[in-house]
């Protein structure tokens, strides 16, 4: 009995989708969803949108940046002043967009 490759891909996609749905309450997933929906955001903008403590947000962003899921862009305004912006990595962007199709009303319910 041969298994069609597209059927296997669909099974894996459904499994990953269910796994991601179960992790939506995790702050790291909330950050990834927010960055997918609203593009590059600063640390302060993410904190305000997610209404979360800055320590927890900093920990989540460091973890995501170390895994390579998000990229950190630093813009230097002056020699002493710089701003950091966070964006989903281009390598993971198409995969995450297909897995995390989240409508705004669904996302607002979890907040």
C-alpha atoms as a PDB file:
ATOM      1  CA  UNK A   1       0.000   0.000   0.000  1.00  0.00           C
ATOM      2  CA  UNK A   2       1.656   3.192  -1.146  1.00  0.00           C
ATOM      3  CA  UNK A   3       1.041   6.476   0.570  1.00  0.00           C
ATOM      4  CA  UNK A   4       0.715   9.586  -1.536  1.00  0.00           C
ATOM      5  CA  UNK A   5       3.274  12.273  -0.660  1.00  0.00           C
ATOM      6  CA  UNK A   6       0.720  15.064  -0.771  1.00  0.00           C
ATOM      7  CA  UNK A   7      -1.456  13.177   1.713  1.00  0.00           C
ATOM      8  CA  UNK A   8       1.503  12.828   4.063  1.00  0.00           C
ATOM      9  CA  UNK A   9       2.260  16.535   3.685  1.00  0.00           C
ATOM     10  CA  UNK A  10      -1.351  17.370   4.501  1.00  0.00           C
ATOM     11  CA  UNK A  11      -1.237  15.178   7.600  1.00  0.00           C
ATOM     12  CA  UNK A  12       1.959  16.878   8.788  1.00  0.00           C
ATOM     13  CA  UNK A  13       0.504  20.292   8.048  1.00  0.00           C
ATOM     14  CA  UNK A  14      -2.639  19.494  10.076  1.00  0.00           C
ATOM     15  CA  UNK A  15      -0.545  18.129  12.931  1.00  0.00           C
ATOM     16  CA  UNK A  16       1.650  21.229  13.000  1.00  0.00           C
ATOM     17  CA  UNK A  17      -1.410  23.457  12.813  1.00  0.00           C
ATOM     18  CA  UNK A  18      -2.955  21.721  15.833  1.00  0.00           C
ATOM     19  CA  UNK A  19       0.324  21.980  17.725  1.00  0.00           C
ATOM     20  CA  UNK A  20       0.568  25.691  17.008  1.00  0.00           C
ATOM     21  CA  UNK A  21      -3.064  26.213  18.020  1.00  0.00           C
ATOM     22  CA  UNK A  22      -2.337  24.586  21.378  1.00  0.00           C
ATOM     23  CA  UNK A  23       0.617  26.941  21.899  1.00  0.00           C
ATOM     24  CA  UNK A  24      -1.248  30.159  21.064  1.00  0.00           C
ATOM     25  CA  UNK A  25      -1.516  31.176  24.707  1.00  0.00           C
ATOM     26  CA  UNK A  26       2.265  31.077  25.023  1.00  0.00           C
ATOM     27  CA  UNK A  27       3.869  34.519  24.815  1.00  0.00           C
ATOM     28  CA  UNK A  28       6.364  33.411  22.174  1.00  0.00           C
ATOM     29  CA  UNK A  29       3.569  32.363  19.836  1.00  0.00           C
ATOM     30  CA  UNK A  30       1.709  35.602  20.527  1.00  0.00           C
ATOM     31  CA  UNK A  31       4.848  37.547  19.532  1.00  0.00           C
ATOM     32  CA  UNK A  32       5.255  35.574  16.288  1.00  0.00           C
ATOM     33  CA  UNK A  33       1.580  36.051  15.398  1.00  0.00           C
ATOM     34  CA  UNK A  34       1.772  39.786  16.122  1.00  0.00           C
ATOM     35  CA  UNK A  35       4.899  40.167  13.994  1.00  0.00           C
ATOM     36  CA  UNK A  36       3.308  38.205  11.143  1.00  0.00           C
ATOM     37  CA  UNK A  37       0.174  40.347  11.183  1.00  0.00           C
ATOM     38  CA  UNK A  38       1.771  43.757  11.737  1.00  0.00           C
ATOM     39  CA  UNK A  39       5.267  43.527  10.322  1.00  0.00           C
ATOM     40  CA  UNK A  40       8.402  44.931  11.946  1.00  0.00           C
ATOM     41  CA  UNK A  41       7.681  46.327  15.403  1.00  0.00           C
ATOM     42  CA  UNK A  42       9.785  47.861  18.127  1.00  0.00           C
ATOM     43  CA  UNK A  43      10.109  46.421  21.612  1.00  0.00           C
ATOM     44  CA  UNK A  44       7.862  49.089  23.071  1.00  0.00           C
ATOM     45  CA  UNK A  45       5.193  48.636  20.395  1.00  0.00           C
ATOM     46  CA  UNK A  46       5.150  44.875  20.998  1.00  0.00           C
ATOM     47  CA  UNK A  47       4.836  45.398  24.744  1.00  0.00           C
ATOM     48  CA  UNK A  48       1.894  47.721  24.299  1.00  0.00           C
ATOM     49  CA  UNK A  49       0.103  45.596  21.716  1.00  0.00           C
ATOM     50  CA  UNK A  50       0.440  42.412  23.745  1.00  0.00           C
ATOM     51  CA  UNK A  51      -0.122  44.127  27.110  1.00  0.00           C
ATOM     52  CA  UNK A  52       2.637  42.148  28.741  1.00  0.00           C
ATOM     53  CA  UNK A  53       5.386  42.781  31.273  1.00  0.00           C
ATOM     54  CA  UNK A  54       8.614  43.977  29.650  1.00  0.00           C
ATOM     55  CA  UNK A  55      10.706  41.332  31.430  1.00  0.00           C
ATOM     56  CA  UNK A  56       8.589  38.507  30.052  1.00  0.00           C
ATOM     57  CA  UNK A  57       8.627  40.073  26.590  1.00  0.00           C
ATOM     58  CA  UNK A  58      12.405  40.498  26.654  1.00  0.00           C
ATOM     59  CA  UNK A  59      12.841  36.843  27.627  1.00  0.00           C
ATOM     60  CA  UNK A  60      10.531  35.682  24.823  1.00  0.00           C
ATOM     61  CA  UNK A  61      12.254  37.874  22.226  1.00  0.00           C
ATOM     62  CA  UNK A  62      15.700  36.637  23.241  1.00  0.00           C
ATOM     63  CA  UNK A  63      14.555  33.031  22.912  1.00  0.00           C
ATOM     64  CA  UNK A  64      12.998  33.640  19.481  1.00  0.00           C
ATOM     65  CA  UNK A  65      16.062  35.543  18.263  1.00  0.00           C
ATOM     66  CA  UNK A  66      18.419  32.782  19.426  1.00  0.00           C
ATOM     67  CA  UNK A  67      16.410  30.162  17.524  1.00  0.00           C
ATOM     68  CA  UNK A  68      16.421  32.327  14.388  1.00  0.00           C
ATOM     69  CA  UNK A  69      12.658  32.633  14.024  1.00  0.00           C
ATOM     70  CA  UNK A  70      12.797  36.402  14.348  1.00  0.00           C
ATOM     71  CA  UNK A  71      15.467  38.851  13.277  1.00  0.00           C
ATOM     72  CA  UNK A  72      16.572  41.893  15.222  1.00  0.00           C
ATOM     73  CA  UNK A  73      17.299  45.068  13.273  1.00  0.00           C
ATOM     74  CA  UNK A  74      19.185  47.828  15.071  1.00  0.00           C
ATOM     75  CA  UNK A  75      18.870  51.387  13.792  1.00  0.00           C
ATOM     76  CA  UNK A  76      21.439  53.812  15.177  1.00  0.00           C
ATOM     77  CA  UNK A  77      20.080  57.320  15.575  1.00  0.00           C
ATOM     78  CA  UNK A  78      23.237  58.710  17.160  1.00  0.00           C
ATOM     79  CA  UNK A  79      26.403  57.186  18.645  1.00  0.00           C
ATOM     80  CA  UNK A  80      24.607  56.690  21.966  1.00  0.00           C
ATOM     81  CA  UNK A  81      21.010  56.088  20.840  1.00  0.00           C
ATOM     82  CA  UNK A  82      19.711  53.087  18.909  1.00  0.00           C
ATOM     83  CA  UNK A  83      16.348  51.424  18.352  1.00  0.00           C
ATOM     84  CA  UNK A  84      15.662  47.733  17.890  1.00  0.00           C
ATOM     85  CA  UNK A  85      13.000  46.407  15.579  1.00  0.00           C
ATOM     86  CA  UNK A  86      11.867  42.805  15.391  1.00  0.00           C
ATOM     87  CA  UNK A  87      10.672  40.975  12.304  1.00  0.00           C
ATOM     88  CA  UNK A  88       9.973  37.357  11.352  1.00  0.00           C
ATOM     89  CA  UNK A  89      12.924  35.794   9.545  1.00  0.00           C
ATOM     90  CA  UNK A  90      12.538  35.511   5.777  1.00  0.00           C
ATOM     91  CA  UNK A  91      13.429  31.807   5.894  1.00  0.00           C
ATOM     92  CA  UNK A  92      10.472  30.994   8.150  1.00  0.00           C
ATOM     93  CA  UNK A  93       7.984  33.526   6.762  1.00  0.00           C
ATOM     94  CA  UNK A  94       6.203  31.343   4.131  1.00  0.00           C
ATOM     95  CA  UNK A  95       5.977  28.360   6.472  1.00  0.00           C
ATOM     96  CA  UNK A  96       4.614  30.401   9.357  1.00  0.00           C
ATOM     97  CA  UNK A  97       2.115  32.189   7.130  1.00  0.00           C
ATOM     98  CA  UNK A  98       0.629  28.899   5.973  1.00  0.00           C
ATOM     99  CA  UNK A  99       0.547  27.459   9.493  1.00  0.00           C
ATOM    100  CA  UNK A 100      -0.582  30.528  11.389  1.00  0.00           C
ATOM    101  CA  UNK A 101      -3.515  31.736   9.370  1.00  0.00           C
ATOM    102  CA  UNK A 102      -5.109  33.636  12.192  1.00  0.00           C
ATOM    103  CA  UNK A 103      -7.958  36.003  11.664  1.00  0.00           C
ATOM    104  CA  UNK A 104      -7.957  39.158  13.740  1.00  0.00           C
ATOM    105  CA  UNK A 105     -11.100  38.239  15.661  1.00  0.00           C
ATOM    106  CA  UNK A 106      -9.652  34.847  16.669  1.00  0.00           C
ATOM    107  CA  UNK A 107      -6.467  36.532  17.836  1.00  0.00           C
ATOM    108  CA  UNK A 108      -8.341  39.133  19.867  1.00  0.00           C
ATOM    109  CA  UNK A 109     -10.261  36.416  21.706  1.00  0.00           C
ATOM    110  CA  UNK A 110      -7.003  34.967  23.051  1.00  0.00           C
ATOM    111  CA  UNK A 111      -5.817  38.315  24.369  1.00  0.00           C
END
